[in-house]
Amino acid sequence: MKKFLEKIKLYLPLIKSLQTSLLLFTGITGFMSAKCPVLNLKIFASLIGSLFLTISGSTILNMYFDRDIDKKMPRTSHRPLASGKIKPSEALYLGLALSTVGLVWGALISLLYSFIVFLGIFFDVVVYTVWLKRRTPWSILWGGISGGMPILAGRALATGKVDSIGILLALSILLWIPTHILTFSMIYYEDYHKAGIPTFPSVYGFEYTRYIIFISSIGTAVAVSLGFISLGMSWGYMRLLFVLTFGFIGLALFTLFKHSQKTNFGLFKYASLYMLGAMLMIILGG
């Protein structure tokens, strides 16, 4: 039992628990924007279980393909695959197994839901990680599409179709991801440079990157606001969203003209809080 627990502890970092939790939370948000989980407990539990497995599986597969990059960056060199603590073949089989079980489980409750989740895995692992990440900084757009799939899948599972609200919610994630990733790529510019990964700061420069971040932030705010309006959120939630958006856009604008590592890191943190707050309000308001 002790060896088994030690093995589990060794494998846990492979799924990037924080990232997996946030993506799972967006899927839950999509579902709860249309249905009450208490009155649909069985299907809600299946959503959580299947989505957790598929997100975890795709994350492990990403780590498998990125293990050589991770070795070159101080920030990631300690990861289980990069450090050699876990054999690549073990991670590959585990990632494939979790993804497959999650997709099959999802197909048992809804073929549409499972197909959308599959698209998320495909765009994330095949298109973003394997094909484009080492070739172009614009790969983040495809990574953004995969990031928007969980909330779209959750909404589709609840409604039985892909509707305009689901697309708006997915679009808000897609537009938010450049702000999240580009601020991160400026913070860890040297790491990505050592690994030979093309990023917006390295290819187009920091000033151009900050403009893209500002445009991305504006797009995110518009998509989230339209999503709130389409959901018929109460005036109280709309006012709270306005306050959060004012801070979000203000900080993005401040970063654009008064840039520093401190303001850049502040926007990176606030962007996550902004999206988390918006998702939480959709859950409560729904």
Protein backbone atom coordinates (compact mmCIF):
# COMPACT_ATOMS: atom_id res chain seq x y z
CA MET A 1 0.00 0.00 0.00
CA LYS A 2 2.83 2.38 0.84
CA LYS A 3 4.49 1.82 -2.56
CA PHE A 4 1.13 2.33 -4.27
CA LEU A 5 0.57 5.66 -2.50
CA GLU A 6 4.10 6.76 -3.38
CA LYS A 7 3.41 5.90 -7.03
CA ILE A 8 0.19 7.93 -6.98
CA LYS A 9 2.03 10.85 -5.42
CA LEU A 10 4.62 10.64 -8.18
CA TYR A 11 1.97 10.64 -10.92
CA LEU A 12 -0.18 13.48 -9.55
CA PRO A 13 1.99 16.31 -10.97
CA LEU A 14 1.39 14.89 -14.45
CA ILE A 15 -2.20 16.12 -14.48
CA LYS A 16 -1.36 19.70 -13.40
CA SER A 17 -4.06 19.72 -10.75
CA LEU A 18 -4.66 23.51 -10.80
CA GLN A 19 -5.04 23.68 -14.58
CA THR A 20 -7.21 20.56 -14.65
CA SER A 21 -9.41 21.93 -11.86
CA LEU A 22 -9.95 25.24 -13.66
CA LEU A 23 -10.90 23.54 -16.94
CA LEU A 24 -13.20 21.14 -15.08
CA PHE A 25 -14.77 24.14 -13.34
CA THR A 26 -15.59 25.73 -16.70
CA GLY A 27 -17.28 22.50 -17.80
CA ILE A 28 -19.35 22.51 -14.62
CA THR A 29 -20.20 26.15 -15.29
CA GLY A 30 -21.44 25.33 -18.78
CA PHE A 31 -23.71 22.62 -17.42
CA MET A 32 -25.06 24.69 -14.52
CA SER A 33 -25.79 27.62 -16.83
CA ALA A 34 -28.71 25.51 -18.12
CA LYS A 35 -29.52 22.82 -15.56
CA CYS A 36 -29.59 22.33 -11.82
CA PRO A 37 -27.03 19.66 -10.78
CA VAL A 38 -29.13 18.52 -7.81
CA LEU A 39 -32.09 17.63 -10.04
CA ASN A 40 -29.78 15.97 -12.56
CA LEU A 41 -27.32 14.37 -10.17
CA LYS A 42 -26.48 11.25 -12.19
CA ILE A 43 -25.64 13.06 -15.42
CA PHE A 44 -23.84 15.81 -13.47
CA ALA A 45 -21.64 13.21 -11.74
CA SER A 46 -20.89 11.63 -15.13
CA LEU A 47 -19.89 15.05 -16.47
CA ILE A 48 -17.43 15.57 -13.63
CA GLY A 49 -15.97 12.07 -13.89
CA SER A 50 -15.62 11.89 -17.67
CA LEU A 51 -14.35 15.45 -18.05
CA PHE A 52 -11.80 14.99 -15.28
CA LEU A 53 -10.43 11.86 -16.98
CA THR A 54 -10.20 13.43 -20.44
CA ILE A 55 -8.62 16.67 -19.23
CA SER A 56 -6.14 14.74 -17.11
CA GLY A 57 -5.36 12.38 -19.99
CA SER A 58 -4.73 15.17 -22.48
CA THR A 59 -2.55 17.02 -19.96
CA ILE A 60 -0.42 13.92 -19.46
CA LEU A 61 -0.11 13.49 -23.24
CA ASN A 62 1.03 17.11 -23.51
CA MET A 63 3.69 16.46 -20.90
CA TYR A 64 4.78 13.36 -22.81
CA PHE A 65 5.35 15.31 -26.04
CA ASP A 66 6.88 18.31 -24.23
CA ARG A 67 9.29 16.38 -22.03
CA ASP A 68 12.36 17.45 -24.03
CA ILE A 69 11.30 21.10 -23.80
CA ASP A 70 10.62 20.82 -20.08
CA LYS A 71 14.18 19.60 -19.49
CA LYS A 72 15.55 22.89 -20.84
CA MET A 73 13.47 25.23 -18.67
CA PRO A 74 14.26 25.71 -14.96
CA ARG A 75 10.53 26.25 -14.28
CA THR A 76 9.61 22.79 -15.60
CA SER A 77 12.78 20.72 -15.32
CA HIS A 78 11.57 19.14 -12.06
CA ARG A 79 8.46 17.62 -13.66
CA PRO A 80 8.26 13.79 -13.44
CA LEU A 81 8.95 13.13 -17.13
CA ALA A 82 11.58 15.82 -17.56
CA SER A 83 13.45 14.67 -14.45
CA GLY A 84 13.25 11.00 -15.42
CA LYS A 85 11.19 9.95 -12.39
CA ILE A 86 8.57 8.41 -14.69
CA LYS A 87 9.22 6.50 -17.90
CA PRO A 88 7.82 8.15 -21.04
CA SER A 89 6.05 4.93 -22.08
CA GLU A 90 4.21 4.82 -18.74
CA ALA A 91 2.98 8.39 -19.15
CA LEU A 92 1.93 7.75 -22.77
CA TYR A 93 -0.13 4.68 -21.89
CA LEU A 94 -1.69 6.42 -18.89
CA GLY A 95 -2.62 9.51 -20.90
CA LEU A 96 -4.18 7.43 -23.67
CA ALA A 97 -6.04 5.25 -21.17
CA LEU A 98 -7.52 8.16 -19.20
CA SER A 99 -8.54 10.01 -22.36
CA THR A 100 -10.15 6.90 -23.87
CA VAL A 101 -12.07 5.95 -20.74
CA GLY A 102 -13.27 9.55 -20.36
CA LEU A 103 -14.46 9.72 -23.98
CA VAL A 104 -16.25 6.36 -23.80
CA TRP A 105 -17.91 7.37 -20.52
CA GLY A 106 -18.97 10.64 -22.11
CA ALA A 107 -20.36 8.85 -25.18
CA LEU A 108 -22.57 6.74 -22.92
CA ILE A 109 -24.36 9.87 -21.71
CA SER A 110 -24.24 11.99 -24.89
CA LEU A 111 -22.54 11.53 -28.24
CA LEU A 112 -22.58 15.30 -28.86
CA TYR A 113 -20.93 15.98 -25.51
CA SER A 114 -18.27 13.30 -26.11
CA PHE A 115 -17.55 14.63 -29.61
CA ILE A 116 -16.97 18.17 -28.31
CA VAL A 117 -14.64 16.82 -25.61
CA PHE A 118 -12.81 14.82 -28.28
CA LEU A 119 -12.34 18.02 -30.30
CA GLY A 120 -10.84 19.61 -27.20
CA ILE A 121 -8.30 16.80 -26.88
CA PHE A 122 -7.53 16.84 -30.61
CA PHE A 123 -6.91 20.59 -30.77
CA ASP A 124 -4.91 20.54 -27.55
CA VAL A 125 -2.65 17.55 -28.12
CA VAL A 126 -2.42 17.12 -31.89
CA VAL A 127 -2.88 20.61 -33.32
CA TYR A 128 -1.44 22.78 -30.54
CA THR A 129 1.22 20.67 -28.84
CA VAL A 130 2.48 18.32 -31.55
CA TRP A 131 1.98 20.38 -34.71
CA LEU A 132 2.15 24.12 -33.99
CA LYS A 133 3.69 24.90 -30.59
CA ARG A 134 7.28 24.62 -31.82
CA ARG A 135 6.54 26.35 -35.14
CA THR A 136 4.55 29.51 -34.49
CA PRO A 137 3.44 31.73 -31.59
CA TRP A 138 -0.05 31.75 -33.12
CA SER A 139 -0.45 28.21 -31.81
CA ILE A 140 -2.05 29.76 -28.73
CA LEU A 141 -5.24 30.39 -30.75
CA TRP A 142 -5.64 26.66 -31.26
CA GLY A 143 -4.80 26.10 -27.62
CA GLY A 144 -7.53 28.62 -26.85
CA ILE A 145 -10.05 26.64 -28.90
CA SER A 146 -9.27 23.53 -26.88
CA GLY A 147 -9.58 25.56 -23.67
CA GLY A 148 -13.10 26.60 -24.66
CA MET A 149 -14.31 23.06 -25.31
CA PRO A 150 -15.08 22.01 -21.70
CA ILE A 151 -17.55 24.84 -21.10
CA LEU A 152 -19.13 24.26 -24.51
CA ALA A 153 -19.37 20.53 -23.79
CA GLY A 154 -20.96 21.14 -20.39
CA ARG A 155 -23.54 23.48 -21.91
CA ALA A 156 -24.26 21.04 -24.76
CA LEU A 157 -24.74 18.18 -22.30
CA ALA A 158 -27.32 20.23 -20.41
CA THR A 159 -29.23 21.54 -23.43
CA GLY A 160 -28.72 18.72 -25.90
CA LYS A 161 -27.38 21.08 -28.56
CA VAL A 162 -24.71 23.66 -29.35
CA ASP A 163 -26.43 27.02 -28.86
CA SER A 164 -25.38 30.65 -29.10
CA ILE A 165 -24.84 30.94 -25.34
CA GLY A 166 -22.48 27.96 -25.34
CA ILE A 167 -20.53 29.49 -28.21
CA LEU A 168 -20.29 32.83 -26.40
CA LEU A 169 -19.03 31.13 -23.24
CA ALA A 170 -16.45 29.15 -25.22
CA LEU A 171 -15.45 32.33 -27.06
CA SER A 172 -14.87 34.12 -23.77
CA ILE A 173 -12.36 31.41 -22.79
CA LEU A 174 -10.75 31.48 -26.24
CA LEU A 175 -10.24 35.26 -26.06
CA TRP A 176 -9.11 35.13 -22.43
CA ILE A 177 -6.34 32.58 -23.04
CA PRO A 178 -4.03 34.97 -25.00
CA THR A 179 -4.09 37.38 -22.05
CA HIS A 180 -3.26 34.53 -19.69
CA ILE A 181 -0.55 32.92 -21.85
CA LEU A 182 1.09 36.07 -23.23
CA THR A 183 1.55 37.69 -19.83
CA PHE A 184 3.03 34.37 -18.69
CA SER A 185 5.35 34.21 -21.73
CA MET A 186 6.70 37.68 -20.91
CA ILE A 187 7.33 36.70 -17.31
CA TYR A 188 9.20 33.55 -18.38
CA TYR A 189 10.69 34.94 -21.58
CA GLU A 190 14.15 33.48 -20.89
CA ASP A 191 12.77 30.01 -20.20
CA TYR A 192 10.92 29.84 -23.51
CA HIS A 193 13.94 31.27 -25.31
CA LYS A 194 16.19 28.53 -23.90
CA ALA A 195 13.71 25.87 -24.99
CA GLY A 196 13.47 27.34 -28.50
CA ILE A 197 9.70 27.87 -28.29
CA PRO A 198 8.50 30.78 -30.49
CA THR A 199 6.41 33.20 -28.42
CA PHE A 200 4.92 36.58 -29.22
CA PRO A 201 7.59 38.42 -27.17
CA SER A 202 10.42 36.60 -28.96
CA VAL A 203 8.97 36.86 -32.48
CA TYR A 204 7.15 40.23 -32.44
CA GLY A 205 8.59 41.98 -29.41
CA PHE A 206 7.15 43.03 -26.06
CA GLU A 207 5.32 46.13 -27.27
CA TYR A 208 3.33 44.25 -29.93
CA THR A 209 2.59 41.52 -27.37
CA ARG A 210 1.14 44.07 -24.94
CA TYR A 211 -1.19 45.37 -27.67
CA ILE A 212 -2.38 41.84 -28.37
CA ILE A 213 -2.97 41.34 -24.64
CA PHE A 214 -5.05 44.53 -24.48
CA ILE A 215 -7.14 43.52 -27.51
CA SER A 216 -7.59 40.04 -26.06
CA SER A 217 -8.75 41.53 -22.75
CA ILE A 218 -11.31 43.73 -24.51
CA GLY A 219 -12.59 40.76 -26.49
CA THR A 220 -12.88 38.67 -23.34
CA ALA A 221 -14.89 41.36 -21.55
CA VAL A 222 -17.27 41.75 -24.51
CA ALA A 223 -17.82 37.98 -24.86
CA VAL A 224 -18.41 37.52 -21.12
CA SER A 225 -20.82 40.49 -21.01
CA LEU A 226 -22.81 39.19 -23.99
CA GLY A 227 -22.91 35.79 -22.32
CA PHE A 228 -24.33 37.34 -19.14
CA ILE A 229 -26.96 39.25 -21.12
CA SER A 230 -27.95 36.14 -23.10
CA LEU A 231 -28.31 34.17 -19.87
CA GLY A 232 -30.56 36.88 -18.45
CA MET A 233 -28.33 37.45 -15.45
CA SER A 234 -29.82 39.77 -12.81
CA TRP A 235 -28.81 43.41 -12.53
CA GLY A 236 -26.87 42.67 -9.36
CA TYR A 237 -24.58 40.23 -11.16
CA MET A 238 -24.27 42.60 -14.12
CA ARG A 239 -23.09 45.37 -11.82
CA LEU A 240 -20.55 43.10 -10.16
CA LEU A 241 -19.32 42.01 -13.59
CA PHE A 242 -18.97 45.67 -14.58
CA VAL A 243 -16.77 46.33 -11.54
CA LEU A 244 -14.59 43.30 -12.29
CA THR A 245 -14.39 44.25 -15.97
CA PHE A 246 -13.44 47.83 -15.14
CA GLY A 247 -10.50 46.51 -13.10
CA PHE A 248 -9.56 43.98 -15.78
CA ILE A 249 -9.53 46.45 -18.68
CA GLY A 250 -7.94 49.14 -16.52
CA LEU A 251 -5.08 46.88 -15.55
CA ALA A 252 -4.60 45.76 -19.17
CA LEU A 253 -4.48 49.43 -20.24
CA PHE A 254 -2.07 50.26 -17.46
CA THR A 255 0.16 47.34 -18.49
CA LEU A 256 0.10 48.63 -22.06
CA PHE A 257 1.40 52.11 -21.25
CA LYS A 258 3.08 51.69 -17.84
CA HIS A 259 4.57 48.29 -18.33
CA SER A 260 6.75 46.53 -15.79
CA GLN A 261 7.21 43.01 -14.50
CA LYS A 262 5.06 43.89 -11.50
CA THR A 263 2.08 45.17 -13.54
CA ASN A 264 2.46 42.30 -15.99
CA PHE A 265 2.35 39.74 -13.18
CA GLY A 266 -0.58 41.60 -11.64
CA LEU A 267 -2.57 41.30 -14.88
CA PHE A 268 -1.66 37.61 -15.12
CA LYS A 269 -3.13 37.01 -11.66
CA TYR A 270 -6.14 39.29 -12.07
CA ALA A 271 -7.09 37.73 -15.42
CA SER A 272 -7.48 34.36 -13.70
CA LEU A 273 -9.52 35.88 -10.87
CA TYR A 274 -11.69 37.71 -13.41
CA MET A 275 -12.58 34.57 -15.32
CA LEU A 276 -13.04 32.55 -12.14
CA GLY A 277 -15.35 35.25 -10.77
CA ALA A 278 -17.37 35.33 -13.98
CA MET A 279 -17.78 31.55 -13.96
CA LEU A 280 -18.83 31.57 -10.32
CA MET A 281 -21.46 34.24 -10.98
CA ILE A 282 -22.86 32.19 -13.87
CA ILE A 283 -23.16 29.19 -11.55
CA LEU A 284 -24.88 31.20 -8.81
CA GLY A 285 -27.01 33.20 -11.21
CA GLY A 286 -28.00 30.15 -13.23
